[in-house]
Amino acid sequence: MPIYQRPFMRGKLYIHFTVDFRESLTPEQFKALEAVLPPRPSMQMSEMELDECEETTLHDVNNEEEMRWKQQQAQEAYHEDEDMHGGGAQRVQRAQQ
């Protein structure tokens, strides 16, 4: 994911899913679900569909640890900006005419 005001840096996207699965469905419930859901896709993907797929790896994440890391990175970036600009406001003198 892009980072605000840093077009060349990328962040991480976290999605938290909570899925409750039923143990079983009655035939009537099964038919009702089939009626409202899109048709089942074929198991075979075309070459074009395969070309559009992007392979990724899912990882378990410790949100607290990631927040600490993010705060540390933000502080380091802030200190880098200070170092590049002399660490504070600079005074400008006007020449007398």
N, C-alpha and C. Protein backbone atom coordinates (compact mmCIF):
# COMPACT_ATOMS: atom_id res chain seq x y z
N MET A 1 0.83 -1.17 0.00
CA MET A 1 0.00 0.00 0.00
C MET A 1 0.89 1.24 0.00
N PRO A 2 0.49 2.26 -0.73
CA PRO A 2 1.29 3.49 -0.72
C PRO A 2 1.23 4.19 0.63
N ILE A 3 2.31 4.88 0.98
CA ILE A 3 2.38 5.63 2.23
C ILE A 3 2.12 7.10 1.92
N TYR A 4 1.32 7.74 2.74
CA TYR A 4 0.91 9.12 2.54
C TYR A 4 2.13 10.04 2.41
N GLN A 5 2.18 10.83 1.38
CA GLN A 5 3.21 11.80 1.06
C GLN A 5 4.59 11.18 0.85
N ARG A 6 4.65 9.89 0.59
CA ARG A 6 5.90 9.21 0.28
C ARG A 6 5.61 8.25 -0.89
N PRO A 7 5.59 8.78 -2.11
CA PRO A 7 5.12 7.99 -3.25
C PRO A 7 5.97 6.77 -3.59
N PHE A 8 7.21 6.74 -3.15
CA PHE A 8 8.07 5.62 -3.51
C PHE A 8 8.21 4.59 -2.40
N MET A 9 7.56 4.84 -1.28
CA MET A 9 7.60 3.88 -0.18
C MET A 9 6.28 3.12 -0.14
N ARG A 10 6.35 1.88 0.25
CA ARG A 10 5.16 1.03 0.34
C ARG A 10 5.02 0.50 1.75
N GLY A 11 3.78 0.43 2.21
CA GLY A 11 3.47 -0.11 3.52
C GLY A 11 2.85 -1.48 3.39
N LYS A 12 2.28 -1.95 4.48
CA LYS A 12 1.66 -3.28 4.51
C LYS A 12 0.16 -3.11 4.69
N LEU A 13 -0.60 -3.98 4.07
CA LEU A 13 -2.04 -4.00 4.21
C LEU A 13 -2.41 -5.20 5.08
N TYR A 14 -3.14 -4.94 6.16
CA TYR A 14 -3.57 -6.00 7.06
C TYR A 14 -5.07 -6.14 6.98
N ILE A 15 -5.52 -7.35 6.79
CA ILE A 15 -6.95 -7.64 6.74
C ILE A 15 -7.22 -8.70 7.81
N HIS A 16 -8.14 -8.40 8.68
CA HIS A 16 -8.50 -9.33 9.75
C HIS A 16 -9.86 -9.95 9.41
N PHE A 17 -9.88 -11.25 9.23
CA PHE A 17 -11.11 -11.97 8.92
C PHE A 17 -11.56 -12.76 10.13
N THR A 18 -12.84 -12.72 10.40
CA THR A 18 -13.45 -13.61 11.39
C THR A 18 -14.56 -14.34 10.66
N VAL A 19 -14.40 -15.65 10.54
CA VAL A 19 -15.37 -16.45 9.79
C VAL A 19 -15.96 -17.50 10.73
N ASP A 20 -17.28 -17.50 10.81
CA ASP A 20 -17.98 -18.52 11.59
C ASP A 20 -18.61 -19.51 10.61
N PHE A 21 -18.17 -20.77 10.68
CA PHE A 21 -18.70 -21.80 9.80
C PHE A 21 -19.78 -22.59 10.53
N ARG A 22 -20.85 -22.84 9.80
CA ARG A 22 -21.91 -23.68 10.35
C ARG A 22 -21.47 -25.14 10.25
N GLU A 23 -21.97 -25.93 11.16
CA GLU A 23 -21.64 -27.36 11.14
C GLU A 23 -22.31 -28.06 9.95
N SER A 24 -23.55 -27.65 9.64
CA SER A 24 -24.26 -28.29 8.53
C SER A 24 -25.38 -27.36 8.05
N LEU A 25 -25.85 -27.65 6.85
CA LEU A 25 -26.98 -26.92 6.27
C LEU A 25 -28.08 -27.91 5.91
N THR A 26 -29.30 -27.46 6.06
CA THR A 26 -30.41 -28.28 5.60
C THR A 26 -30.47 -28.16 4.07
N PRO A 27 -31.10 -29.06 3.39
CA PRO A 27 -31.23 -28.93 1.93
C PRO A 27 -31.90 -27.62 1.51
N GLU A 28 -32.86 -27.15 2.29
CA GLU A 28 -33.54 -25.89 1.97
C GLU A 28 -32.57 -24.71 2.09
N GLN A 29 -31.75 -24.70 3.15
CA GLN A 29 -30.77 -23.63 3.34
C GLN A 29 -29.73 -23.65 2.22
N PHE A 30 -29.32 -24.84 1.82
CA PHE A 30 -28.35 -24.99 0.75
C PHE A 30 -28.91 -24.41 -0.56
N LYS A 31 -30.15 -24.73 -0.87
CA LYS A 31 -30.78 -24.21 -2.09
C LYS A 31 -30.94 -22.69 -2.02
N ALA A 32 -31.28 -22.17 -0.84
CA ALA A 32 -31.43 -20.72 -0.68
C ALA A 32 -30.09 -20.01 -0.90
N LEU A 33 -29.01 -20.59 -0.41
CA LEU A 33 -27.69 -20.00 -0.64
C LEU A 33 -27.32 -20.03 -2.12
N GLU A 34 -27.58 -21.13 -2.77
CA GLU A 34 -27.28 -21.22 -4.21
C GLU A 34 -28.08 -20.20 -5.00
N ALA A 35 -29.27 -19.86 -4.54
CA ALA A 35 -30.12 -18.91 -5.26
C ALA A 35 -29.57 -17.48 -5.15
N VAL A 36 -28.95 -17.12 -4.02
CA VAL A 36 -28.48 -15.74 -3.83
C VAL A 36 -27.01 -15.54 -4.19
N LEU A 37 -26.23 -16.60 -4.20
CA LEU A 37 -24.81 -16.49 -4.53
C LEU A 37 -24.59 -16.59 -6.04
N PRO A 38 -23.48 -16.05 -6.54
CA PRO A 38 -23.20 -16.21 -7.97
C PRO A 38 -22.97 -17.68 -8.31
N PRO A 39 -23.09 -18.03 -9.58
CA PRO A 39 -22.88 -19.43 -9.95
C PRO A 39 -21.48 -19.89 -9.59
N ARG A 40 -21.36 -21.16 -9.35
CA ARG A 40 -20.06 -21.73 -9.01
C ARG A 40 -19.12 -21.59 -10.21
N PRO A 41 -17.87 -21.14 -9.96
CA PRO A 41 -16.93 -21.02 -11.08
C PRO A 41 -16.43 -22.39 -11.50
N SER A 42 -16.02 -22.47 -12.76
CA SER A 42 -15.43 -23.73 -13.21
C SER A 42 -14.08 -23.87 -12.53
N MET A 43 -13.64 -25.06 -12.35
CA MET A 43 -12.38 -25.28 -11.64
C MET A 43 -11.17 -24.96 -12.53
N GLN A 44 -11.35 -24.89 -13.84
CA GLN A 44 -10.26 -24.60 -14.76
C GLN A 44 -10.18 -23.11 -15.02
N MET A 45 -8.99 -22.54 -14.90
CA MET A 45 -8.79 -21.14 -15.21
C MET A 45 -8.18 -21.01 -16.60
N SER A 46 -8.58 -19.96 -17.31
CA SER A 46 -8.01 -19.74 -18.64
C SER A 46 -6.60 -19.19 -18.49
N GLU A 47 -5.83 -19.19 -19.58
CA GLU A 47 -4.48 -18.65 -19.57
C GLU A 47 -4.50 -17.17 -19.18
N MET A 48 -5.49 -16.42 -19.68
CA MET A 48 -5.59 -15.01 -19.38
C MET A 48 -5.85 -14.79 -17.88
N GLU A 49 -6.70 -15.61 -17.29
CA GLU A 49 -6.97 -15.50 -15.86
C GLU A 49 -5.72 -15.83 -15.04
N LEU A 50 -4.98 -16.83 -15.48
CA LEU A 50 -3.75 -17.19 -14.78
C LEU A 50 -2.72 -16.07 -14.86
N ASP A 51 -2.64 -15.39 -16.01
CA ASP A 51 -1.69 -14.28 -16.16
C ASP A 51 -2.03 -13.12 -15.25
N GLU A 52 -3.31 -12.93 -14.93
CA GLU A 52 -3.74 -11.81 -14.10
C GLU A 52 -3.59 -12.11 -12.61
N CYS A 53 -3.30 -13.35 -12.25
CA CYS A 53 -3.16 -13.72 -10.83
C CYS A 53 -1.81 -13.26 -10.30
N GLU A 54 -1.82 -12.87 -9.04
CA GLU A 54 -0.58 -12.50 -8.36
C GLU A 54 -0.42 -13.42 -7.16
N GLU A 55 0.71 -14.10 -7.10
CA GLU A 55 0.95 -15.02 -6.00
C GLU A 55 1.42 -14.24 -4.78
N THR A 56 0.91 -14.62 -3.63
CA THR A 56 1.31 -13.95 -2.40
C THR A 56 1.37 -14.98 -1.28
N THR A 57 1.93 -14.57 -0.17
CA THR A 57 2.05 -15.45 0.98
C THR A 57 1.36 -14.78 2.16
N LEU A 58 0.52 -15.51 2.85
CA LEU A 58 -0.15 -14.99 4.04
C LEU A 58 0.69 -15.32 5.27
N HIS A 59 0.78 -14.36 6.18
CA HIS A 59 1.55 -14.54 7.40
C HIS A 59 0.69 -14.15 8.60
N ASP A 60 0.90 -14.83 9.71
CA ASP A 60 0.28 -14.40 10.96
C ASP A 60 1.00 -13.14 11.42
N VAL A 61 0.26 -12.20 11.99
CA VAL A 61 0.82 -10.91 12.37
C VAL A 61 0.51 -10.60 13.82
N ASN A 62 1.51 -10.07 14.52
CA ASN A 62 1.32 -9.56 15.87
C ASN A 62 1.09 -8.06 15.73
N ASN A 63 -0.15 -7.60 15.86
CA ASN A 63 -0.49 -6.20 15.62
C ASN A 63 0.27 -5.24 16.54
N GLU A 64 0.46 -5.60 17.80
CA GLU A 64 1.17 -4.72 18.73
C GLU A 64 2.61 -4.52 18.29
N GLU A 65 3.25 -5.60 17.89
CA GLU A 65 4.64 -5.52 17.42
C GLU A 65 4.74 -4.68 16.15
N GLU A 66 3.80 -4.85 15.25
CA GLU A 66 3.81 -4.07 14.01
C GLU A 66 3.59 -2.58 14.29
N MET A 67 2.73 -2.24 15.24
CA MET A 67 2.51 -0.83 15.59
C MET A 67 3.78 -0.22 16.18
N ARG A 68 4.49 -0.97 17.05
CA ARG A 68 5.75 -0.47 17.61
C ARG A 68 6.76 -0.24 16.49
N TRP A 69 6.85 -1.15 15.54
CA TRP A 69 7.79 -1.03 14.42
C TRP A 69 7.44 0.20 13.59
N LYS A 70 6.14 0.41 13.35
CA LYS A 70 5.69 1.55 12.54
C LYS A 70 6.05 2.86 13.24
N GLN A 71 5.84 2.94 14.55
CA GLN A 71 6.18 4.15 15.30
C GLN A 71 7.69 4.40 15.26
N GLN A 72 8.48 3.34 15.36
CA GLN A 72 9.93 3.47 15.31
C GLN A 72 10.37 3.99 13.95
N GLN A 73 9.77 3.46 12.87
CA GLN A 73 10.11 3.92 11.53
C GLN A 73 9.74 5.39 11.33
N ALA A 74 8.60 5.80 11.87
CA ALA A 74 8.17 7.19 11.74
C ALA A 74 9.13 8.11 12.48
N GLN A 75 9.59 7.71 13.67
CA GLN A 75 10.54 8.52 14.42
C GLN A 75 11.86 8.63 13.68
N GLU A 76 12.33 7.53 13.10
CA GLU A 76 13.58 7.55 12.35
C GLU A 76 13.47 8.47 11.14
N ALA A 77 12.33 8.44 10.46
CA ALA A 77 12.14 9.31 9.30
C ALA A 77 12.12 10.77 9.74
N TYR A 78 11.53 11.05 10.90
CA TYR A 78 11.48 12.42 11.41
C TYR A 78 12.90 12.90 11.72
N HIS A 79 13.71 12.04 12.35
CA HIS A 79 15.08 12.42 12.68
C HIS A 79 15.92 12.60 11.42
N GLU A 80 15.68 11.80 10.38
CA GLU A 80 16.39 11.96 9.12
C GLU A 80 16.08 13.32 8.50
N ASP A 81 14.81 13.74 8.57
CA ASP A 81 14.44 15.05 8.05
C ASP A 81 15.16 16.16 8.80
N GLU A 82 15.26 16.04 10.13
CA GLU A 82 15.96 17.04 10.92
C GLU A 82 17.43 17.11 10.52
N ASP A 83 18.05 15.95 10.33
CA ASP A 83 19.47 15.91 9.97
C ASP A 83 19.71 16.57 8.61
N MET A 84 18.80 16.35 7.67
CA MET A 84 18.97 16.90 6.33
C MET A 84 18.81 18.42 6.31
N HIS A 85 17.99 18.95 7.21
CA HIS A 85 17.68 20.38 7.19
C HIS A 85 18.34 21.14 8.33
N GLY A 86 19.33 20.57 8.96
CA GLY A 86 20.05 21.28 10.01
C GLY A 86 19.41 21.22 11.37
N GLY A 87 18.37 20.46 11.56
CA GLY A 87 17.81 20.22 12.88
C GLY A 87 16.87 21.28 13.40
N GLY A 88 16.53 22.27 12.66
CA GLY A 88 15.60 23.26 13.17
C GLY A 88 15.44 24.41 12.21
N ALA A 89 14.76 25.45 12.68
CA ALA A 89 14.52 26.61 11.82
C ALA A 89 15.83 27.34 11.55
N GLN A 90 16.01 27.79 10.35
CA GLN A 90 17.22 28.52 9.98
C GLN A 90 16.87 30.00 9.83
N ARG A 91 17.80 30.84 10.25
CA ARG A 91 17.57 32.28 10.13
C ARG A 91 18.12 32.78 8.81
N VAL A 92 17.39 33.72 8.25
CA VAL A 92 17.81 34.33 6.98
C VAL A 92 18.02 35.81 7.23
N GLN A 93 19.17 36.31 6.84
CA GLN A 93 19.45 37.73 7.02
C GLN A 93 19.22 38.45 5.70
N ARG A 94 18.64 39.64 5.81
CA ARG A 94 18.43 40.45 4.62
C ARG A 94 19.59 41.41 4.47
N ALA A 95 20.02 41.62 3.27
CA ALA A 95 21.12 42.57 3.03
C ALA A 95 20.59 43.99 3.09
N GLN A 96 21.38 44.87 3.73
CA GLN A 96 20.99 46.28 3.81
C GLN A 96 21.28 46.97 2.49
N GLN A 97 20.41 47.84 2.06
CA GLN A 97 20.61 48.54 0.78
C GLN A 97 21.00 49.97 1.02
